[in-house]
Amino acid sequence: MIDPSSETQTTTSDEADGAVSIASIASVAPVIETPLTPDATDAAAIAETVARPLSNPVATLLAPLRHRNFSLLFAGQLISVIGDMFYSVALPWYMLTRGGGPANLGLVLTAYGIPLMVTSLLGGWLSDRFRPRRVMLASDAIRMLIVGAIAAAIFQGHATLVLLAALSATLGAFDGVFLPASSAITPDVLPDEELQAGNSLSYVWNQAARLLGPALAGLIVARFAPGWALAIDAATFGVSTITLALMRPRRTKTARTGADQGRETAPVTTGAAASDTTPPVTFGRYLLGSRLLQVLFVITLVGNFINGLAEVAIPSLAHLTLHTDATGFGALLVAMGAGSLVGAILAGMLKGRAQRGIVAVWFFTIQSFFIVGVGLATSLWFAVGSMALFGLFNGLGNVSFVTLVQRKLPRHLLGRIMGVFGFTNFALYPISVAVSGFAVARYGPGPVIIAGAIVTLAAISMGFVSREVREL
């Protein structure tokens, strides 16, 4: 589960915007893959990651909160993600109890998911063209209106299947636009030396919201009604819109003309040769010429194939193999979320050579073995422990990987790069869900989970083979 886009949403410095990813309008020379010259072996870097003493680790982790823009981003997105959990509980519950059952729920979710995948590419372009903060602000304002309309339709008794599908499709489209921008904003609001900690806090707030949000949403839906939970979600989009509007955009000289045109921009990419006379490399040219980017896209595409398998195989494992109820299944999900939370916190405390490509590859490699542990589990607690350790290394890997992408790839292309990463995250999801359904029915959940781990490990192994990734 390599997820450089997503669900790591956050950040930027006192002079721009924020969310787990990247962006900028600046001159970047075509040659930008400047590998670090290792002054120690890969094994030494791994040892440093795990064992080196950390100076003031808590201060390192919390340093990004000193920046006003990041603090506003942190608060607004935390509230918004909690609101997203209200939507995730309220809409399915409404559909299952009053809206036509599982079949109609599947249609509404499909209507949401297809535009989400397609518009992630558009969102990346818009993020690079208009800057991440503006794209996030506009997306949140529009999503507030869409979710508010769904809540109003439910309150008034006019929530037909066609209307809910249409509104969900529109919501999915703007979610797709939002995600690349949220992944590209961090370098705009934070200095490079604080990106790792900022991405860590971003990941932490997402995981914390996903642990807290469903419980709160369940209470609201049970005590009141799904419409009220959706109204709260709409309100959280309003809060996020306000915090984004309060951020102070950086106004600086444009790369091509040097004239102060009062546009929101981001710093020139670290390590990139840039000047006022060098035209920025285009996305197409960079994609075709960058072996690093090509390898990363393939790893993400194939490595995330397991996401769809997990949607079917993990609940099937809980029910068919572990013979537990919904509480046991929930314990598996909580264990993974808690492990990811701890992993993200630890990642935010890492410094120096611990922030290298080979280290991230090792994190993802180790997580694959704990996926195998889940597939081999015959007791609930063994499965819970394996899920927690999987989440731990997944959190470490995701935060480290996203930070490296933000630091090493050209900032003026980061929105589009993160848009393609988002697309690759979702691209194989429908296929993997369909395949896993048939495979679990024929072979059982354990072998399917192990097979998914092997596929993930095969994709990650490209990182060991690729010199560009090793030296990132």
Protein backbone atom coordinates (compact mmCIF):
# COMPACT_ATOMS: atom_id res chain seq x y z
CA MET A 1 0.00 0.00 0.00
CA ILE A 2 2.26 2.72 -1.28
CA ASP A 3 0.28 5.91 -1.20
CA PRO A 4 2.17 9.08 -2.07
CA SER A 5 -0.96 11.06 -2.76
CA SER A 6 -3.63 10.76 -0.66
CA GLU A 7 -4.43 10.36 2.44
CA THR A 8 -1.44 12.07 3.52
CA GLN A 9 -2.97 15.48 2.85
CA THR A 10 -1.29 18.61 4.26
CA THR A 11 1.16 21.49 4.47
CA THR A 12 3.39 24.36 3.36
CA SER A 13 5.56 27.24 4.85
CA ASP A 14 4.78 30.54 6.44
CA GLU A 15 4.57 31.89 2.96
CA ALA A 16 2.35 29.56 1.02
CA ASP A 17 -0.01 26.61 1.48
CA GLY A 18 -0.16 23.05 2.84
CA ALA A 19 -0.98 19.30 2.46
CA VAL A 20 0.91 16.06 2.06
CA SER A 21 2.58 16.57 -1.37
CA ILE A 22 4.13 19.15 -3.72
CA ALA A 23 4.01 22.11 -6.09
CA SER A 24 5.57 25.33 -7.44
CA ILE A 25 5.89 27.76 -10.29
CA ALA A 26 9.59 28.21 -10.82
CA SER A 27 12.29 27.67 -13.41
CA VAL A 28 13.62 24.17 -13.29
CA ALA A 29 16.36 22.90 -15.55
CA PRO A 30 15.71 19.63 -17.37
CA VAL A 31 18.32 17.85 -15.28
CA ILE A 32 16.75 17.51 -11.84
CA GLU A 33 17.44 13.99 -10.74
CA THR A 34 20.56 14.84 -8.79
CA PRO A 35 21.30 11.73 -6.74
CA LEU A 36 22.78 12.07 -3.30
CA THR A 37 26.29 10.70 -3.14
CA PRO A 38 26.13 8.08 -0.41
CA ASP A 39 28.83 8.47 2.20
CA ALA A 40 27.82 5.22 3.91
CA THR A 41 26.42 1.89 2.89
CA ASP A 42 22.71 1.28 2.61
CA ALA A 43 22.92 -0.96 5.64
CA ALA A 44 24.41 1.89 7.64
CA ALA A 45 21.55 4.16 6.58
CA ILE A 46 19.00 1.60 7.74
CA ALA A 47 20.79 1.17 11.03
CA GLU A 48 20.82 4.93 11.50
CA THR A 49 17.08 5.06 10.84
CA VAL A 50 16.29 2.51 13.50
CA ALA A 51 18.96 3.10 16.12
CA ARG A 52 20.54 6.57 15.88
CA PRO A 53 19.79 8.83 18.83
CA LEU A 54 17.29 11.52 17.97
CA SER A 55 17.95 15.02 19.25
CA ASN A 56 14.74 16.55 20.57
CA PRO A 57 12.50 14.24 18.49
CA VAL A 58 9.29 15.79 19.79
CA ALA A 59 10.53 19.28 18.94
CA THR A 60 11.47 18.03 15.47
CA LEU A 61 8.01 16.58 14.94
CA LEU A 62 6.15 19.68 16.14
CA ALA A 63 8.39 22.26 14.45
CA PRO A 64 6.03 22.81 11.46
CA LEU A 65 3.31 24.09 13.81
CA ARG A 66 5.39 27.23 14.35
CA HIS A 67 4.37 28.32 10.85
CA ARG A 68 1.03 30.12 10.69
CA ASN A 69 0.05 28.72 7.31
CA PHE A 70 0.76 25.15 8.33
CA SER A 71 -1.15 25.55 11.59
CA LEU A 72 -4.19 26.86 9.70
CA LEU A 73 -3.90 24.03 7.21
CA PHE A 74 -3.49 21.46 9.99
CA ALA A 75 -6.58 22.66 11.88
CA GLY A 76 -8.81 23.02 8.83
CA GLN A 77 -7.91 19.70 7.23
CA LEU A 78 -8.17 17.79 10.51
CA ILE A 79 -11.74 19.02 10.94
CA SER A 80 -12.52 18.35 7.28
CA VAL A 81 -11.22 14.77 7.36
CA ILE A 82 -13.33 14.06 10.45
CA GLY A 83 -16.26 15.38 8.42
CA ASP A 84 -15.35 12.99 5.60
CA MET A 85 -15.79 10.13 8.04
CA PHE A 86 -19.31 11.40 8.81
CA TYR A 87 -20.11 11.14 5.09
CA SER A 88 -18.58 7.65 4.90
CA VAL A 89 -20.89 6.44 7.68
CA ALA A 90 -24.06 8.44 7.01
CA LEU A 91 -24.56 7.91 3.27
CA PRO A 92 -24.09 4.11 3.27
CA TRP A 93 -26.30 3.80 6.35
CA TYR A 94 -29.03 5.87 4.70
CA MET A 95 -28.80 3.83 1.50
CA LEU A 96 -28.94 0.53 3.36
CA THR A 97 -31.85 1.46 5.61
CA ARG A 98 -33.95 3.79 3.46
CA GLY A 99 -32.43 4.07 0.03
CA GLY A 100 -32.78 0.68 -1.63
CA GLY A 101 -30.18 -1.63 -0.08
CA PRO A 102 -26.70 -2.84 -1.12
CA ALA A 103 -27.34 -2.80 -4.87
CA ASN A 104 -28.25 0.90 -4.91
CA LEU A 105 -25.39 1.67 -2.54
CA GLY A 106 -23.01 0.03 -4.99
CA LEU A 107 -24.37 2.17 -7.83
CA VAL A 108 -23.94 5.38 -5.84
CA LEU A 109 -20.39 4.46 -4.80
CA THR A 110 -19.54 3.59 -8.40
CA ALA A 111 -20.92 6.96 -9.51
CA TYR A 112 -18.62 8.58 -6.95
CA GLY A 113 -15.49 6.54 -7.71
CA ILE A 114 -15.20 6.85 -11.49
CA PRO A 115 -15.07 10.70 -11.60
CA LEU A 116 -12.67 10.64 -8.62
CA MET A 117 -10.16 8.60 -10.60
CA VAL A 118 -10.50 10.61 -13.81
CA THR A 119 -10.37 14.12 -12.34
CA SER A 120 -7.25 13.43 -10.29
CA LEU A 121 -5.31 14.09 -13.49
CA LEU A 122 -7.17 17.37 -14.05
CA GLY A 123 -6.59 18.33 -10.41
CA GLY A 124 -2.85 17.96 -10.84
CA TRP A 125 -2.82 20.33 -13.81
CA LEU A 126 -5.01 22.86 -12.02
CA SER A 127 -2.75 22.70 -8.96
CA ASP A 128 0.32 23.55 -11.04
CA ARG A 129 -1.52 26.25 -12.97
CA PHE A 130 -3.31 28.05 -10.14
CA ARG A 131 -1.38 26.82 -7.05
CA PRO A 132 -2.55 24.19 -4.56
CA ARG A 133 -4.13 26.53 -2.00
CA ARG A 134 -6.51 28.08 -4.52
CA VAL A 135 -7.54 24.69 -5.91
CA MET A 136 -8.13 23.30 -2.42
CA LEU A 137 -10.11 26.38 -1.38
CA ALA A 138 -12.38 26.26 -4.44
CA SER A 139 -12.84 22.49 -4.14
CA ASP A 140 -13.80 22.70 -0.45
CA ALA A 141 -16.28 25.51 -1.08
CA ILE A 142 -17.98 23.53 -3.85
CA ARG A 143 -17.95 20.29 -1.86
CA MET A 144 -19.62 22.13 1.02
CA LEU A 145 -22.50 22.99 -1.31
CA ILE A 146 -22.73 19.46 -2.75
CA VAL A 147 -22.82 17.68 0.61
CA GLY A 148 -25.24 20.32 1.89
CA ALA A 149 -27.50 19.53 -1.06
CA ILE A 150 -27.40 15.81 -0.24
CA ALA A 151 -28.32 16.56 3.38
CA ALA A 152 -31.16 18.86 2.28
CA ALA A 153 -32.52 16.22 -0.12
CA ILE A 154 -32.57 13.64 2.67
CA PHE A 155 -34.26 16.04 5.11
CA GLN A 156 -36.95 16.90 2.56
CA GLY A 157 -37.52 13.30 1.47
CA HIS A 158 -36.40 13.90 -2.13
CA ALA A 159 -33.22 11.78 -2.05
CA THR A 160 -33.93 9.61 -5.09
CA LEU A 161 -31.35 7.17 -6.41
CA VAL A 162 -30.74 9.30 -9.51
CA LEU A 163 -30.26 12.47 -7.47
CA LEU A 164 -27.89 10.80 -4.98
CA ALA A 165 -25.87 9.23 -7.80
CA ALA A 166 -25.61 12.57 -9.62
CA LEU A 167 -24.56 14.47 -6.51
CA SER A 168 -22.11 11.72 -5.51
CA ALA A 169 -20.55 11.80 -8.99
CA THR A 170 -20.10 15.57 -8.72
CA LEU A 171 -18.62 15.17 -5.26
CA GLY A 172 -16.22 12.51 -6.53
CA ALA A 173 -15.12 14.80 -9.34
CA PHE A 174 -14.18 17.60 -6.95
CA ASP A 175 -12.57 15.15 -4.52
CA GLY A 176 -10.36 14.09 -7.43
CA VAL A 177 -9.45 17.72 -8.13
CA PHE A 178 -8.70 18.32 -4.44
CA LEU A 179 -6.39 15.37 -3.74
CA PRO A 180 -3.37 16.26 -5.95
CA ALA A 181 -3.43 19.83 -4.66
CA SER A 182 -3.58 18.66 -1.04
CA SER A 183 -0.59 16.43 -1.76
CA ALA A 184 1.32 19.26 -3.40
CA ILE A 185 0.88 22.05 -0.90
CA THR A 186 3.38 21.13 1.81
CA PRO A 187 6.53 22.45 0.09
CA ASP A 188 4.71 25.75 -0.47
CA VAL A 189 4.26 26.34 3.26
CA LEU A 190 7.24 24.65 4.91
CA PRO A 191 11.00 24.87 4.39
CA ASP A 192 12.66 21.73 3.04
CA GLU A 193 14.20 20.77 6.36
CA GLU A 194 10.71 20.53 7.92
CA LEU A 195 8.95 18.65 5.12
CA GLN A 196 9.40 15.24 6.76
CA ALA A 197 7.86 16.46 10.03
CA GLY A 198 5.08 18.28 8.17
CA ASN A 199 4.17 15.21 6.15
CA SER A 200 4.26 13.18 9.34
CA LEU A 201 1.78 15.50 11.05
CA SER A 202 -0.38 15.39 7.91
CA TYR A 203 -0.46 11.64 7.97
CA VAL A 204 -1.09 11.65 11.72
CA TRP A 205 -4.13 13.91 11.45
CA ASN A 206 -5.58 11.71 8.70
CA GLN A 207 -5.13 8.56 10.73
CA ALA A 208 -6.39 10.17 13.93
CA ALA A 209 -9.47 11.47 12.13
CA ARG A 210 -10.13 8.04 10.65
CA LEU A 211 -9.97 6.50 14.11
CA LEU A 212 -12.12 9.17 15.79
CA GLY A 213 -14.47 10.22 12.98
CA PRO A 214 -16.45 6.99 12.43
CA ALA A 215 -17.22 6.65 16.15
CA LEU A 216 -18.54 10.21 16.34
CA ALA A 217 -20.48 9.77 13.11
CA GLY A 218 -22.05 6.55 14.38
CA LEU A 219 -23.29 8.35 17.50
CA ILE A 220 -24.82 11.19 15.46
CA VAL A 221 -26.50 8.83 12.98
CA ALA A 222 -27.84 6.61 15.75
CA ARG A 223 -29.01 9.46 17.99
CA PHE A 224 -30.39 11.76 15.29
CA ALA A 225 -30.39 10.83 11.59
CA PRO A 226 -28.03 10.45 8.59
CA GLY A 227 -29.06 13.89 7.32
CA TRP A 228 -27.62 15.60 10.40
CA ALA A 229 -24.29 13.80 10.00
CA LEU A 230 -24.13 14.96 6.37
CA ALA A 231 -24.96 18.52 7.45
CA ILE A 232 -22.03 18.39 9.87
CA ASP A 233 -19.78 17.18 7.04
CA ALA A 234 -20.86 20.16 4.93
CA ALA A 235 -20.05 22.47 7.84
CA THR A 236 -16.55 21.01 8.16
CA PHE A 237 -15.92 21.86 4.50
CA GLY A 238 -16.90 25.41 5.40
CA VAL A 239 -14.34 25.47 8.22
CA SER A 240 -11.63 24.20 5.90
CA THR A 241 -12.56 26.83 3.30
CA ILE A 242 -12.14 29.57 5.90
CA THR A 243 -8.76 28.32 7.14
CA LEU A 244 -7.46 28.09 3.57
CA ALA A 245 -8.69 31.62 2.87
CA LEU A 246 -6.87 32.90 5.97
CA MET A 247 -3.52 31.53 4.81
CA ARG A 248 -1.11 34.15 3.50
CA PRO A 249 0.02 33.28 -0.03
CA ARG A 250 3.60 33.94 -1.00
CA ARG A 251 3.97 36.69 -3.54
CA THR A 252 7.22 36.63 -5.38
CA LYS A 253 8.83 37.22 -8.72
CA THR A 254 7.93 34.92 -11.56
CA ALA A 255 10.64 32.70 -12.95
CA ARG A 256 10.43 33.79 -16.57
CA THR A 257 10.14 37.53 -16.39
CA GLY A 258 11.44 38.41 -12.95
CA ALA A 259 8.58 40.89 -12.66
CA ASP A 260 6.50 40.97 -9.50
CA GLN A 261 3.09 40.04 -10.79
CA GLY A 262 1.60 39.24 -7.38
CA ARG A 263 1.03 35.59 -8.16
CA GLU A 264 1.09 32.76 -5.66
CA THR A 265 4.27 30.80 -6.22
CA ALA A 266 6.43 28.28 -4.46
CA PRO A 267 10.19 28.06 -3.95
CA VAL A 268 12.51 26.72 -6.62
CA THR A 269 13.07 23.00 -6.27
CA THR A 270 15.96 22.05 -4.01
CA GLY A 271 18.82 20.60 -5.98
CA ALA A 272 17.44 21.80 -9.30
CA ALA A 273 19.53 24.01 -11.46
CA ALA A 274 17.37 27.01 -12.19
CA SER A 275 17.76 30.52 -13.47
CA ASP A 276 15.61 33.35 -14.76
CA THR A 277 16.60 32.45 -18.33
CA THR A 278 15.99 28.69 -18.18
CA PRO A 279 12.48 27.71 -19.32
CA PRO A 280 10.78 25.17 -17.06
CA VAL A 281 10.83 21.57 -18.27
CA THR A 282 7.39 20.42 -19.43
CA PHE A 283 5.57 17.53 -17.79
CA GLY A 284 5.57 15.41 -20.94
CA ARG A 285 9.28 15.93 -21.47
CA TYR A 286 10.04 15.13 -17.85
CA LEU A 287 7.84 12.02 -17.82
CA LEU A 288 9.46 10.65 -20.98
CA GLY A 289 13.00 11.46 -19.85
CA SER A 290 12.86 10.62 -16.16
CA ARG A 291 13.70 7.01 -15.41
CA LEU A 292 13.07 7.76 -11.72
CA LEU A 293 9.50 8.94 -12.28
CA GLN A 294 8.71 6.02 -14.57
CA VAL A 295 9.92 3.49 -11.99
CA LEU A 296 8.00 5.21 -9.18
CA PHE A 297 4.77 5.16 -11.19
CA VAL A 298 5.13 1.43 -11.95
CA ILE A 299 5.90 0.62 -8.31
CA THR A 300 2.85 2.61 -7.17
CA LEU A 301 0.55 1.09 -9.79
CA VAL A 302 1.48 -2.54 -9.12
CA GLY A 303 2.19 -2.13 -5.41
CA ASN A 304 -1.28 -0.77 -4.73
CA PHE A 305 -2.98 -3.72 -6.43
CA ILE A 306 -3.35 -5.17 -2.94
CA ASN A 307 -5.69 -2.35 -1.88
CA GLY A 308 -8.65 -3.89 -3.66
CA LEU A 309 -7.71 -7.37 -2.44
CA ALA A 310 -7.75 -6.12 1.14
CA GLU A 311 -11.27 -4.70 0.75
CA VAL A 312 -12.57 -8.24 0.16
CA ALA A 313 -9.98 -10.54 1.73
CA ILE A 314 -9.55 -8.91 5.17
CA PRO A 315 -13.25 -9.00 6.17
CA SER A 316 -13.47 -12.50 4.68
CA LEU A 317 -10.48 -13.56 6.80
CA ALA A 318 -12.16 -12.22 9.93
CA HIS A 319 -15.41 -14.02 9.17
CA LEU A 320 -14.35 -17.27 7.52
CA THR A 321 -10.93 -18.04 9.01
CA LEU A 322 -10.82 -16.29 12.36
CA HIS A 323 -14.52 -16.88 13.02
CA THR A 324 -14.96 -13.49 14.65
CA ASP A 325 -17.75 -10.93 14.42
CA ALA A 326 -17.78 -7.29 13.36
CA THR A 327 -15.97 -6.36 16.56
CA GLY A 328 -13.02 -8.54 15.59
CA PHE A 329 -13.00 -7.10 12.08
CA GLY A 330 -13.03 -3.62 13.56
CA ALA A 331 -10.09 -4.58 15.79
CA LEU A 332 -8.08 -5.47 12.67
CA LEU A 333 -8.78 -2.08 11.11
CA VAL A 334 -8.06 -0.20 14.33
CA ALA A 335 -4.77 -2.07 14.72
CA MET A 336 -3.66 -1.04 11.25
CA GLY A 337 -4.72 2.56 11.82
CA ALA A 338 -2.95 2.74 15.18
CA GLY A 339 0.21 1.23 13.70
CA SER A 340 0.15 3.73 10.84
CA LEU A 341 -0.29 6.54 13.34
CA VAL A 342 2.78 5.46 15.32
CA GLY A 343 4.78 4.94 12.12
CA ALA A 344 3.95 8.42 10.89
CA ILE A 345 4.97 9.95 14.22
CA LEU A 346 8.30 8.09 14.16
CA ALA A 347 8.90 9.15 10.55
CA GLY A 348 8.50 12.78 11.56
CA MET A 349 11.37 12.40 14.01
CA LEU A 350 13.86 11.02 11.46
CA LYS A 351 16.69 13.18 10.19
CA GLY A 352 19.72 13.05 7.93
CA ARG A 353 20.54 9.92 5.99
CA ALA A 354 17.48 8.22 7.42
CA GLN A 355 15.53 10.27 4.86
CA ARG A 356 16.74 8.37 1.80
CA GLY A 357 15.07 6.42 -0.96
CA ILE A 358 16.64 3.11 0.02
CA VAL A 359 15.29 3.52 3.56
CA ALA A 360 11.73 4.01 2.27
CA VAL A 361 12.14 0.92 0.07
CA TRP A 362 13.17 -1.11 3.12
CA PHE A 363 10.15 0.13 5.07
CA PHE A 364 7.80 -1.00 2.31
CA THR A 365 9.66 -4.31 1.98
CA ILE A 366 9.30 -5.09 5.68
CA GLN A 367 5.59 -4.23 5.60
CA SER A 368 5.07 -6.91 2.94
CA PHE A 369 6.21 -9.65 5.31
CA PHE A 370 3.63 -8.57 7.87
CA ILE A 371 0.96 -8.79 5.16
CA VAL A 372 2.03 -12.41 4.77
CA GLY A 373 1.62 -12.74 8.54
CA VAL A 374 -1.97 -11.58 8.24
CA GLY A 375 -2.63 -14.19 5.56
CA LEU A 376 -1.13 -16.94 7.72
CA ALA A 377 -3.03 -15.92 10.86
CA THR A 378 -5.22 -18.52 12.54
CA SER A 379 -5.99 -16.47 15.65
CA LEU A 380 -7.44 -12.99 15.95
CA TRP A 381 -4.64 -11.62 18.09
CA PHE A 382 -1.91 -12.83 15.74
CA ALA A 383 -3.76 -11.11 12.90
CA VAL A 384 -4.19 -7.94 14.98
CA GLY A 385 -0.46 -7.87 15.77
CA SER A 386 0.47 -8.40 12.13
CA MET A 387 -1.90 -5.64 11.02
CA ALA A 388 -0.43 -3.25 13.60
CA LEU A 389 3.14 -3.93 12.45
CA PHE A 390 2.09 -3.66 8.82
CA GLY A 391 0.56 -0.27 9.59
CA LEU A 392 3.71 0.82 11.45
CA PHE A 393 6.03 0.25 8.49
CA ASN A 394 3.46 1.49 5.99
CA GLY A 395 3.26 4.78 7.88
CA LEU A 396 7.06 5.06 8.01
CA GLY A 397 7.33 4.29 4.29
CA ASN A 398 4.57 6.59 3.09
CA VAL A 399 5.78 9.66 5.00
CA SER A 400 9.40 9.07 3.94
CA PHE A 401 8.46 8.46 0.32
CA VAL A 402 6.24 11.51 -0.04
CA THR A 403 8.91 13.74 1.47
CA LEU A 404 11.51 12.47 -0.99
CA VAL A 405 9.17 13.09 -3.92
CA GLN A 406 8.53 16.64 -2.69
CA ARG A 407 12.22 17.37 -2.30
CA LYS A 408 13.65 15.77 -5.41
CA LEU A 409 11.10 16.25 -8.20
CA PRO A 410 10.48 19.61 -9.91
CA ARG A 411 8.14 21.75 -7.85
CA HIS A 412 6.38 23.35 -10.82
CA LEU A 413 5.25 19.87 -11.92
CA LEU A 414 4.36 18.42 -8.53
CA GLY A 415 0.61 18.87 -8.90
CA ARG A 416 0.56 16.86 -12.12
CA ILE A 417 2.97 14.30 -10.72
CA MET A 418 0.78 13.79 -7.66
CA GLY A 419 -2.28 13.66 -9.91
CA VAL A 420 -0.76 10.76 -11.83
CA PHE A 421 0.24 9.09 -8.55
CA GLY A 422 -3.38 9.44 -7.43
CA PHE A 423 -4.59 7.95 -10.71
CA THR A 424 -2.23 4.98 -10.37
CA ASN A 425 -3.49 4.45 -6.81
CA PHE A 426 -7.05 4.00 -8.10
CA ALA A 427 -6.43 2.57 -11.56
CA LEU A 428 -6.27 -1.12 -10.65
CA TYR A 429 -8.74 -0.92 -7.78
CA PRO A 430 -11.84 -2.09 -9.75
CA ILE A 431 -9.86 -4.98 -11.24
CA SER A 432 -8.33 -6.04 -7.93
CA VAL A 433 -11.73 -5.98 -6.18
CA ALA A 434 -13.29 -8.10 -8.90
CA VAL A 435 -10.38 -10.56 -8.98
CA SER A 436 -10.25 -10.88 -5.20
CA GLY A 437 -13.96 -11.68 -4.99
CA PHE A 438 -13.58 -14.70 -7.26
CA ALA A 439 -10.21 -15.70 -5.77
CA VAL A 440 -11.42 -15.59 -2.15
CA ALA A 441 -14.46 -17.68 -3.05
CA ARG A 442 -12.25 -20.31 -4.71
CA TYR A 443 -9.06 -20.35 -2.61
CA GLY A 444 -9.99 -18.65 0.66
CA PRO A 445 -8.83 -15.30 2.08
CA GLY A 446 -5.43 -16.41 3.43
CA PRO A 447 -3.86 -17.46 0.11
CA VAL A 448 -5.27 -14.36 -1.60
CA ILE A 449 -3.71 -12.05 1.01
CA ILE A 450 -0.36 -13.84 0.68
CA ALA A 451 -0.54 -13.60 -3.13
CA GLY A 452 -1.22 -9.88 -2.81
CA ALA A 453 1.81 -9.51 -0.54
CA ILE A 454 3.99 -11.26 -3.13
CA VAL A 455 2.75 -8.93 -5.88
CA THR A 456 3.46 -5.93 -3.64
CA LEU A 457 6.93 -7.23 -2.78
CA ALA A 458 7.71 -7.80 -6.46
CA ALA A 459 6.79 -4.18 -7.24
CA ILE A 460 8.80 -2.81 -4.32
CA SER A 461 11.85 -4.87 -5.33
CA MET A 462 12.18 -2.57 -8.35
CA GLY A 463 13.37 0.02 -5.85
CA PHE A 464 16.41 -2.13 -5.03
CA VAL A 465 17.17 -2.68 -8.70
CA SER A 466 16.72 0.94 -9.78
CA ARG A 467 19.80 3.07 -9.15
CA GLU A 468 17.66 6.22 -9.36
CA VAL A 469 15.44 5.06 -6.49
CA ARG A 470 18.34 3.80 -4.37
CA GLU A 471 20.13 7.11 -4.66
CA LEU A 472 17.02 9.25 -4.15
